[in-house]
ModelCIF file with pLDDT and N, C-alpha, C, O atoms, coordinates in Angstrom:
data_MODEL
#
_entry.id   MODEL 
#
_entity.id                         1 
_entity.type                       polymer 
_entity.pdbx_number_of_molecules   1 
#
_entity_poly.entity_id                      1 
_entity_poly.type                           'polypeptide(L)' 
_entity_poly.nstd_linkage                   no 
_entity_poly.nstd_monomer                   no 
_entity_poly.pdbx_seq_one_letter_code       KRVNEKCGLKIEGVMRKFLGAPTEEMLRNG 
_entity_poly.pdbx_seq_one_letter_code_can   KRVNEKCGLKIEGVMRKFLGAPTEEMLRNG 
_entity_poly.pdbx_strand_id                 A 
#
loop_
_entity_poly_seq.entity_id 
_entity_poly_seq.num 
_entity_poly_seq.mon_id 
_entity_poly_seq.hetero 
1 1  LYS n 
1 2  ARG n 
1 3  VAL n 
1 4  ASN n 
1 5  GLU n 
1 6  LYS n 
1 7  CYS n 
1 8  GLY n 
1 9  LEU n 
1 10 LYS n 
1 11 ILE n 
1 12 GLU n 
1 13 GLY n 
1 14 VAL n 
1 15 MET n 
1 16 ARG n 
1 17 LYS n 
1 18 PHE n 
1 19 LEU n 
1 20 GLY n 
1 21 ALA n 
1 22 PRO n 
1 23 THR n 
1 24 GLU n 
1 25 GLU n 
1 26 MET n 
1 27 LEU n 
1 28 ARG n 
1 29 ASN n 
1 30 GLY n 
#
_struct_asym.id          A 
_struct_asym.entity_id   1 
#
loop_
_ma_qa_metric.id 
_ma_qa_metric.mode 
_ma_qa_metric.name 
_ma_qa_metric.software_group_id 
_ma_qa_metric.type 
1 global pLDDT . pLDDT 
2 local  pLDDT . pLDDT 
#
_ma_qa_metric_global.metric_id      1 
_ma_qa_metric_global.metric_value   96.77 
_ma_qa_metric_global.model_id       1 
_ma_qa_metric_global.ordinal_id     1 
#
loop_
_ma_qa_metric_local.label_asym_id 
_ma_qa_metric_local.label_comp_id 
_ma_qa_metric_local.label_seq_id 
_ma_qa_metric_local.metric_id 
_ma_qa_metric_local.metric_value 
_ma_qa_metric_local.model_id 
_ma_qa_metric_local.ordinal_id 
A LYS 1  2 98.00 1 1  
A ARG 2  2 97.00 1 2  
A VAL 3  2 98.00 1 3  
A ASN 4  2 98.00 1 4  
A GLU 5  2 98.00 1 5  
A LYS 6  2 98.00 1 6  
A CYS 7  2 98.00 1 7  
A GLY 8  2 98.00 1 8  
A LEU 9  2 98.00 1 9  
A LYS 10 2 98.00 1 10 
A ILE 11 2 98.00 1 11 
A GLU 12 2 97.00 1 12 
A GLY 13 2 97.00 1 13 
A VAL 14 2 98.00 1 14 
A MET 15 2 96.00 1 15 
A ARG 16 2 97.00 1 16 
A LYS 17 2 96.00 1 17 
A PHE 18 2 95.00 1 18 
A LEU 19 2 92.00 1 19 
A GLY 20 2 92.00 1 20 
A ALA 21 2 94.00 1 21 
A PRO 22 2 96.00 1 22 
A THR 23 2 96.00 1 23 
A GLU 24 2 97.00 1 24 
A GLU 25 2 97.00 1 25 
A MET 26 2 97.00 1 26 
A LEU 27 2 97.00 1 27 
A ARG 28 2 97.00 1 28 
A ASN 29 2 97.00 1 29 
A GLY 30 2 98.00 1 30 
#
loop_
_atom_site.group_PDB 
_atom_site.id 
_atom_site.type_symbol 
_atom_site.label_atom_id 
_atom_site.label_alt_id 
_atom_site.label_comp_id 
_atom_site.label_asym_id 
_atom_site.label_entity_id 
_atom_site.label_seq_id 
_atom_site.pdbx_PDB_ins_code 
_atom_site.Cartn_x 
_atom_site.Cartn_y 
_atom_site.Cartn_z 
_atom_site.occupancy 
_atom_site.B_iso_or_equiv 
_atom_site.pdbx_formal_charge 
_atom_site.auth_seq_id 
_atom_site.auth_comp_id 
_atom_site.auth_asym_id 
_atom_site.auth_atom_id 
_atom_site.pdbx_PDB_model_num 
ATOM 1   N N  . LYS A 1 1  ? 107.154 47.889 96.880  1.00 98.00 ? 1  LYS A N  1 
ATOM 2   C CA . LYS A 1 1  ? 106.328 46.755 97.296  1.00 98.00 ? 1  LYS A CA 1 
ATOM 3   C C  . LYS A 1 1  ? 106.924 45.447 96.789  1.00 98.00 ? 1  LYS A C  1 
ATOM 4   O O  . LYS A 1 1  ? 106.975 44.462 97.526  1.00 98.00 ? 1  LYS A O  1 
ATOM 5   N N  . ARG A 1 2  ? 107.377 45.431 95.532  1.00 97.00 ? 2  ARG A N  1 
ATOM 6   C CA . ARG A 1 2  ? 107.975 44.212 94.972  1.00 97.00 ? 2  ARG A CA 1 
ATOM 7   C C  . ARG A 1 2  ? 109.241 43.827 95.716  1.00 97.00 ? 2  ARG A C  1 
ATOM 8   O O  . ARG A 1 2  ? 109.469 42.647 95.980  1.00 97.00 ? 2  ARG A O  1 
ATOM 9   N N  . VAL A 1 3  ? 110.070 44.810 96.059  1.00 98.00 ? 3  VAL A N  1 
ATOM 10  C CA . VAL A 1 3  ? 111.294 44.519 96.818  1.00 98.00 ? 3  VAL A CA 1 
ATOM 11  C C  . VAL A 1 3  ? 110.945 43.854 98.145  1.00 98.00 ? 3  VAL A C  1 
ATOM 12  O O  . VAL A 1 3  ? 111.550 42.849 98.520  1.00 98.00 ? 3  VAL A O  1 
ATOM 13  N N  . ASN A 1 4  ? 109.976 44.411 98.849  1.00 98.00 ? 4  ASN A N  1 
ATOM 14  C CA . ASN A 1 4  ? 109.571 43.847 100.139 1.00 98.00 ? 4  ASN A CA 1 
ATOM 15  C C  . ASN A 1 4  ? 109.017 42.446 99.987  1.00 98.00 ? 4  ASN A C  1 
ATOM 16  O O  . ASN A 1 4  ? 109.299 41.568 100.802 1.00 98.00 ? 4  ASN A O  1 
ATOM 17  N N  . GLU A 1 5  ? 108.229 42.234 98.946  1.00 98.00 ? 5  GLU A N  1 
ATOM 18  C CA . GLU A 1 5  ? 107.667 40.902 98.724  1.00 98.00 ? 5  GLU A CA 1 
ATOM 19  C C  . GLU A 1 5  ? 108.765 39.883 98.440  1.00 98.00 ? 5  GLU A C  1 
ATOM 20  O O  . GLU A 1 5  ? 108.733 38.773 98.971  1.00 98.00 ? 5  GLU A O  1 
ATOM 21  N N  . LYS A 1 6  ? 109.740 40.253 97.603  1.00 98.00 ? 6  LYS A N  1 
ATOM 22  C CA . LYS A 1 6  ? 110.821 39.328 97.259  1.00 98.00 ? 6  LYS A CA 1 
ATOM 23  C C  . LYS A 1 6  ? 111.706 39.013 98.461  1.00 98.00 ? 6  LYS A C  1 
ATOM 24  O O  . LYS A 1 6  ? 112.343 37.961 98.515  1.00 98.00 ? 6  LYS A O  1 
ATOM 25  N N  . CYS A 1 7  ? 111.739 39.927 99.417  1.00 98.00 ? 7  CYS A N  1 
ATOM 26  C CA . CYS A 1 7  ? 112.551 39.703 100.619 1.00 98.00 ? 7  CYS A CA 1 
ATOM 27  C C  . CYS A 1 7  ? 111.769 39.021 101.731 1.00 98.00 ? 7  CYS A C  1 
ATOM 28  O O  . CYS A 1 7  ? 112.353 38.608 102.733 1.00 98.00 ? 7  CYS A O  1 
ATOM 29  N N  . GLY A 1 8  ? 110.455 38.897 101.568 1.00 98.00 ? 8  GLY A N  1 
ATOM 30  C CA . GLY A 1 8  ? 109.654 38.174 102.540 1.00 98.00 ? 8  GLY A CA 1 
ATOM 31  C C  . GLY A 1 8  ? 109.145 38.977 103.715 1.00 98.00 ? 8  GLY A C  1 
ATOM 32  O O  . GLY A 1 8  ? 108.648 38.403 104.684 1.00 98.00 ? 8  GLY A O  1 
ATOM 33  N N  . LEU A 1 9  ? 109.259 40.320 103.652 1.00 98.00 ? 9  LEU A N  1 
ATOM 34  C CA . LEU A 1 9  ? 108.750 41.131 104.762 1.00 98.00 ? 9  LEU A CA 1 
ATOM 35  C C  . LEU A 1 9  ? 107.226 41.041 104.813 1.00 98.00 ? 9  LEU A C  1 
ATOM 36  O O  . LEU A 1 9  ? 106.558 41.051 103.779 1.00 98.00 ? 9  LEU A O  1 
ATOM 37  N N  . LYS A 1 10 ? 106.690 40.953 106.020 1.00 98.00 ? 10 LYS A N  1 
ATOM 38  C CA . LYS A 1 10 ? 105.263 40.729 106.217 1.00 98.00 ? 10 LYS A CA 1 
ATOM 39  C C  . LYS A 1 10 ? 104.522 42.038 106.475 1.00 98.00 ? 10 LYS A C  1 
ATOM 40  O O  . LYS A 1 10 ? 105.004 42.905 107.205 1.00 98.00 ? 10 LYS A O  1 
ATOM 41  N N  . ILE A 1 11 ? 103.342 42.170 105.866 1.00 98.00 ? 11 ILE A N  1 
ATOM 42  C CA . ILE A 1 11 ? 102.526 43.367 106.055 1.00 98.00 ? 11 ILE A CA 1 
ATOM 43  C C  . ILE A 1 11 ? 102.018 43.433 107.497 1.00 98.00 ? 11 ILE A C  1 
ATOM 44  O O  . ILE A 1 11 ? 101.498 42.453 108.031 1.00 98.00 ? 11 ILE A O  1 
ATOM 45  N N  . GLU A 1 12 ? 102.178 44.599 108.114 1.00 97.00 ? 12 GLU A N  1 
ATOM 46  C CA . GLU A 1 12 ? 101.668 44.800 109.461 1.00 97.00 ? 12 GLU A CA 1 
ATOM 47  C C  . GLU A 1 12 ? 100.525 45.805 109.508 1.00 97.00 ? 12 GLU A C  1 
ATOM 48  O O  . GLU A 1 12 ? 99.729  45.808 110.447 1.00 97.00 ? 12 GLU A O  1 
ATOM 49  N N  . GLY A 1 13 ? 100.446 46.656 108.492 1.00 97.00 ? 13 GLY A N  1 
ATOM 50  C CA . GLY A 1 13 ? 99.362  47.628 108.473 1.00 97.00 ? 13 GLY A CA 1 
ATOM 51  C C  . GLY A 1 13 ? 99.687  48.829 107.618 1.00 97.00 ? 13 GLY A C  1 
ATOM 52  O O  . GLY A 1 13 ? 100.762 48.913 107.025 1.00 97.00 ? 13 GLY A O  1 
ATOM 53  N N  . VAL A 1 14 ? 98.752  49.756 107.558 1.00 98.00 ? 14 VAL A N  1 
ATOM 54  C CA . VAL A 1 14 ? 98.908  50.991 106.793 1.00 98.00 ? 14 VAL A CA 1 
ATOM 55  C C  . VAL A 1 14 ? 98.831  52.169 107.751 1.00 98.00 ? 14 VAL A C  1 
ATOM 56  O O  . VAL A 1 14 ? 97.879  52.301 108.521 1.00 98.00 ? 14 VAL A O  1 
ATOM 57  N N  . MET A 1 15 ? 99.845  53.021 107.693 1.00 96.00 ? 15 MET A N  1 
ATOM 58  C CA . MET A 1 15 ? 99.861  54.242 108.492 1.00 96.00 ? 15 MET A CA 1 
ATOM 59  C C  . MET A 1 15 ? 99.324  55.370 107.616 1.00 96.00 ? 15 MET A C  1 
ATOM 60  O O  . MET A 1 15 ? 100.018 55.864 106.727 1.00 96.00 ? 15 MET A O  1 
ATOM 61  N N  . ARG A 1 16 ? 98.090  55.766 107.876 1.00 97.00 ? 16 ARG A N  1 
ATOM 62  C CA . ARG A 1 16 ? 97.418  56.732 107.034 1.00 97.00 ? 16 ARG A CA 1 
ATOM 63  C C  . ARG A 1 16 ? 98.006  58.126 107.240 1.00 97.00 ? 16 ARG A C  1 
ATOM 64  O O  . ARG A 1 16 ? 98.273  58.550 108.364 1.00 97.00 ? 16 ARG A O  1 
ATOM 65  N N  . LYS A 1 17 ? 98.198  58.822 106.126 1.00 96.00 ? 17 LYS A N  1 
ATOM 66  C CA . LYS A 1 17 ? 98.744  60.187 106.126 1.00 96.00 ? 17 LYS A CA 1 
ATOM 67  C C  . LYS A 1 17 ? 100.026 60.270 106.953 1.00 96.00 ? 17 LYS A C  1 
ATOM 68  O O  . LYS A 1 17 ? 100.231 61.216 107.714 1.00 96.00 ? 17 LYS A O  1 
ATOM 69  N N  . PHE A 1 18 ? 100.872 59.274 106.791 1.00 95.00 ? 18 PHE A N  1 
ATOM 70  C CA . PHE A 1 18 ? 102.148 59.251 107.488 1.00 95.00 ? 18 PHE A CA 1 
ATOM 71  C C  . PHE A 1 18 ? 103.044 60.382 106.997 1.00 95.00 ? 18 PHE A C  1 
ATOM 72  O O  . PHE A 1 18 ? 103.770 60.987 107.786 1.00 95.00 ? 18 PHE A O  1 
ATOM 73  N N  . LEU A 1 19 ? 102.994 60.670 105.693 1.00 92.00 ? 19 LEU A N  1 
ATOM 74  C CA . LEU A 1 19 ? 103.739 61.783 105.118 1.00 92.00 ? 19 LEU A CA 1 
ATOM 75  C C  . LEU A 1 19 ? 102.824 62.993 104.967 1.00 92.00 ? 19 LEU A C  1 
ATOM 76  O O  . LEU A 1 19 ? 101.626 62.853 104.717 1.00 92.00 ? 19 LEU A O  1 
ATOM 77  N N  . GLY A 1 20 ? 103.399 64.175 105.121 1.00 92.00 ? 20 GLY A N  1 
ATOM 78  C CA . GLY A 1 20 ? 102.633 65.391 104.950 1.00 92.00 ? 20 GLY A CA 1 
ATOM 79  C C  . GLY A 1 20 ? 102.230 65.596 103.498 1.00 92.00 ? 20 GLY A C  1 
ATOM 80  O O  . GLY A 1 20 ? 102.778 64.968 102.591 1.00 92.00 ? 20 GLY A O  1 
ATOM 81  N N  . ALA A 1 21 ? 101.278 66.472 103.295 1.00 94.00 ? 21 ALA A N  1 
ATOM 82  C CA . ALA A 1 21 ? 100.793 66.751 101.943 1.00 94.00 ? 21 ALA A CA 1 
ATOM 83  C C  . ALA A 1 21 ? 101.919 67.348 101.099 1.00 94.00 ? 21 ALA A C  1 
ATOM 84  O O  . ALA A 1 21 ? 102.689 68.171 101.593 1.00 94.00 ? 21 ALA A O  1 
ATOM 85  N N  . PRO A 1 22 ? 102.023 66.944 99.835  1.00 96.00 ? 22 PRO A N  1 
ATOM 86  C CA . PRO A 1 22 ? 103.073 67.503 98.969  1.00 96.00 ? 22 PRO A CA 1 
ATOM 87  C C  . PRO A 1 22 ? 102.783 68.965 98.631  1.00 96.00 ? 22 PRO A C  1 
ATOM 88  O O  . PRO A 1 22 ? 101.630 69.397 98.621  1.00 96.00 ? 22 PRO A O  1 
ATOM 89  N N  . THR A 1 23 ? 103.834 69.708 98.358  1.00 96.00 ? 23 THR A N  1 
ATOM 90  C CA . THR A 1 23 ? 103.660 71.083 97.911  1.00 96.00 ? 23 THR A CA 1 
ATOM 91  C C  . THR A 1 23 ? 103.239 71.096 96.444  1.00 96.00 ? 23 THR A C  1 
ATOM 92  O O  . THR A 1 23 ? 103.339 70.087 95.745  1.00 96.00 ? 23 THR A O  1 
ATOM 93  N N  . GLU A 1 24 ? 102.772 72.243 95.996  1.00 97.00 ? 24 GLU A N  1 
ATOM 94  C CA . GLU A 1 24 ? 102.412 72.382 94.583  1.00 97.00 ? 24 GLU A CA 1 
ATOM 95  C C  . GLU A 1 24 ? 103.628 72.135 93.690  1.00 97.00 ? 24 GLU A C  1 
ATOM 96  O O  . GLU A 1 24 ? 103.508 71.569 92.603  1.00 97.00 ? 24 GLU A O  1 
ATOM 97  N N  . GLU A 1 25 ? 104.801 72.567 94.163  1.00 97.00 ? 25 GLU A N  1 
ATOM 98  C CA . GLU A 1 25 ? 106.022 72.360 93.376  1.00 97.00 ? 25 GLU A CA 1 
ATOM 99  C C  . GLU A 1 25 ? 106.350 70.874 93.276  1.00 97.00 ? 25 GLU A C  1 
ATOM 100 O O  . GLU A 1 25 ? 106.748 70.397 92.214  1.00 97.00 ? 25 GLU A O  1 
ATOM 101 N N  . MET A 1 26 ? 106.185 70.146 94.366  1.00 97.00 ? 26 MET A N  1 
ATOM 102 C CA . MET A 1 26 ? 106.432 68.704 94.323  1.00 97.00 ? 26 MET A CA 1 
ATOM 103 C C  . MET A 1 26 ? 105.498 68.020 93.330  1.00 97.00 ? 26 MET A C  1 
ATOM 104 O O  . MET A 1 26 ? 105.923 67.140 92.581  1.00 97.00 ? 26 MET A O  1 
ATOM 105 N N  . LEU A 1 27 ? 104.241 68.416 93.320  1.00 97.00 ? 27 LEU A N  1 
ATOM 106 C CA . LEU A 1 27 ? 103.280 67.831 92.382  1.00 97.00 ? 27 LEU A CA 1 
ATOM 107 C C  . LEU A 1 27 ? 103.668 68.150 90.944  1.00 97.00 ? 27 LEU A C  1 
ATOM 108 O O  . LEU A 1 27 ? 103.580 67.290 90.068  1.00 97.00 ? 27 LEU A O  1 
ATOM 109 N N  . ARG A 1 28 ? 104.092 69.372 90.704  1.00 97.00 ? 28 ARG A N  1 
ATOM 110 C CA . ARG A 1 28 ? 104.520 69.752 89.348  1.00 97.00 ? 28 ARG A CA 1 
ATOM 111 C C  . ARG A 1 28 ? 105.739 68.946 88.926  1.00 97.00 ? 28 ARG A C  1 
ATOM 112 O O  . ARG A 1 28 ? 105.909 68.644 87.745  1.00 97.00 ? 28 ARG A O  1 
ATOM 113 N N  . ASN A 1 29 ? 106.593 68.595 89.893  1.00 97.00 ? 29 ASN A N  1 
ATOM 114 C CA . ASN A 1 29 ? 107.835 67.882 89.587  1.00 97.00 ? 29 ASN A CA 1 
ATOM 115 C C  . ASN A 1 29 ? 107.686 66.357 89.601  1.00 97.00 ? 29 ASN A C  1 
ATOM 116 O O  . ASN A 1 29 ? 108.681 65.636 89.536  1.00 97.00 ? 29 ASN A O  1 
ATOM 117 N N  . GLY A 1 30 ? 106.443 65.867 89.685  1.00 98.00 ? 30 GLY A N  1 
ATOM 118 C CA . GLY A 1 30 ? 106.248 64.435 89.497  1.00 98.00 ? 30 GLY A CA 1 
ATOM 119 C C  . GLY A 1 30 ? 105.894 63.611 90.713  1.00 98.00 ? 30 GLY A C  1 
ATOM 120 O O  . GLY A 1 30 ? 105.718 62.397 90.607  1.00 98.00 ? 30 GLY A O  1 
#
């Protein structure tokens, strides 16, 4: 978010659930 702000990119919206749910292993790994 900070990178985008410093570069001046403008917010257009939020794409809800754009990424699939993480696996249990992904959650364990941070």
